[in-house]
Amino acid sequence: MSAVKHFLGSILAIFFFLLLLVVIREHIPGKRNQRNSYEVRAGMSKQQALQIMGPPARRISSATTDSAYVYKASPAASDNIYVGIGADGTITSVSHGE
């Protein structure tokens, strides 16, 4: 019985370690994106914002609204990180993913 408990304890420890690795792996790019998003300001050009933020995870565009670049946020964030881009190619808004 002791060997079974030891084995199950080891499996549980490995599971939590792998879970921790997954959370940390998702957290680091999200925190970096959030930190970089504070350097982006409305009125900047799209090229300046891309130099700061890097390539987006996805791009959203619509005929009725401006386009936006969406970036990976930290798993604890309640909102996405996005950079809104106007029709003239300038930044109109920034969401920091808080």
Protein backbone atom coordinates (compact mmCIF):
# COMPACT_ATOMS: atom_id res chain seq x y z
CA MET A 1 0.00 0.00 0.00
CA SER A 2 2.86 2.37 0.78
CA ALA A 3 4.34 1.88 -2.69
CA VAL A 4 0.98 2.77 -4.28
CA LYS A 5 0.70 5.95 -2.21
CA HIS A 6 4.27 6.89 -3.13
CA PHE A 7 3.56 6.27 -6.83
CA LEU A 8 0.33 8.30 -6.76
CA GLY A 9 2.08 11.10 -4.89
CA SER A 10 4.81 11.17 -7.53
CA ILE A 11 2.27 11.26 -10.36
CA LEU A 12 0.41 14.10 -8.63
CA ALA A 13 3.64 16.07 -8.13
CA ILE A 14 4.56 15.64 -11.81
CA PHE A 15 1.07 16.75 -12.86
CA PHE A 16 1.24 19.95 -10.80
CA PHE A 17 4.74 20.68 -12.09
CA LEU A 18 3.56 20.35 -15.70
CA LEU A 19 0.53 22.52 -14.94
CA LEU A 20 2.82 25.17 -13.46
CA LEU A 21 4.99 25.10 -16.59
CA VAL A 22 1.95 25.64 -18.80
CA VAL A 23 0.72 28.59 -16.70
CA ILE A 24 4.16 30.21 -16.64
CA ARG A 25 4.61 29.70 -20.38
CA GLU A 26 1.31 31.50 -21.03
CA HIS A 27 1.97 34.20 -18.43
CA ILE A 28 5.36 35.46 -19.65
CA PRO A 29 4.34 36.60 -23.18
CA GLY A 30 1.13 38.10 -21.76
CA LYS A 31 3.00 40.18 -19.19
CA ARG A 32 5.51 41.31 -21.82
CA ASN A 33 2.66 42.35 -24.14
CA GLN A 34 0.96 44.20 -21.31
CA ARG A 35 4.16 46.04 -20.36
CA ASN A 36 4.79 46.98 -24.01
CA SER A 37 1.20 48.16 -24.49
CA TYR A 38 1.83 51.04 -22.05
CA GLU A 39 4.39 52.43 -24.52
CA VAL A 40 1.86 52.60 -27.36
CA ARG A 41 -0.04 55.90 -27.53
CA ALA A 42 -3.00 57.14 -29.55
CA GLY A 43 -1.77 59.08 -32.56
CA MET A 44 1.27 56.86 -33.20
CA SER A 45 1.62 55.27 -36.59
CA LYS A 46 0.79 51.60 -37.05
CA GLN A 47 4.47 50.92 -37.85
CA GLN A 48 5.63 52.50 -34.58
CA ALA A 49 3.15 50.40 -32.61
CA LEU A 50 4.26 47.21 -34.38
CA GLN A 51 7.90 47.99 -33.54
CA ILE A 52 6.95 48.18 -29.86
CA MET A 53 4.44 45.33 -29.69
CA GLY A 54 5.69 42.95 -32.38
CA PRO A 55 3.42 40.93 -34.63
CA PRO A 56 -0.14 40.47 -33.33
CA ALA A 57 -1.74 37.14 -32.46
CA ARG A 58 -4.64 38.09 -34.73
CA ARG A 59 -6.09 41.04 -36.62
CA ILE A 60 -9.72 42.10 -36.44
CA SER A 61 -11.29 44.28 -39.10
CA SER A 62 -14.82 45.17 -40.03
CA ALA A 63 -16.54 47.36 -42.58
CA THR A 64 -18.25 49.31 -39.81
CA THR A 65 -15.33 49.72 -37.37
CA ASP A 66 -11.62 50.39 -37.38
CA SER A 67 -9.26 47.45 -37.36
CA ALA A 68 -7.49 46.19 -34.26
CA TYR A 69 -4.46 44.06 -33.48
CA VAL A 70 -5.05 41.60 -30.66
CA TYR A 71 -2.20 40.30 -28.48
CA LYS A 72 -1.98 37.42 -26.04
CA ALA A 73 -2.77 38.50 -22.48
CA SER A 74 -1.78 36.95 -19.19
CA PRO A 75 -4.09 34.11 -18.07
CA ALA A 76 -5.15 36.26 -15.10
CA ALA A 77 -6.18 39.19 -17.32
CA SER A 78 -9.87 39.97 -17.61
CA ASP A 79 -9.62 41.49 -21.08
CA ASN A 80 -7.58 41.15 -24.26
CA ILE A 81 -4.68 43.41 -25.11
CA TYR A 82 -5.49 45.22 -28.33
CA VAL A 83 -4.35 48.19 -30.37
CA GLY A 84 -7.09 49.96 -32.32
CA ILE A 85 -6.06 51.32 -35.72
CA GLY A 86 -7.93 54.02 -37.60
CA ALA A 87 -8.55 54.17 -41.34
CA ASP A 88 -5.56 56.52 -41.73
CA GLY A 89 -3.16 54.01 -40.12
CA THR A 90 -2.79 55.78 -36.79
CA ILE A 91 -3.45 54.28 -33.38
CA THR A 92 -6.86 55.28 -32.02
CA SER A 93 -7.00 53.26 -28.79
CA VAL A 94 -5.07 50.81 -26.63
CA SER A 95 -6.42 48.22 -24.20
CA HIS A 96 -3.83 46.96 -21.72
CA GLY A 97 -5.66 43.74 -20.85
CA GLU A 98 -6.26 44.44 -17.20
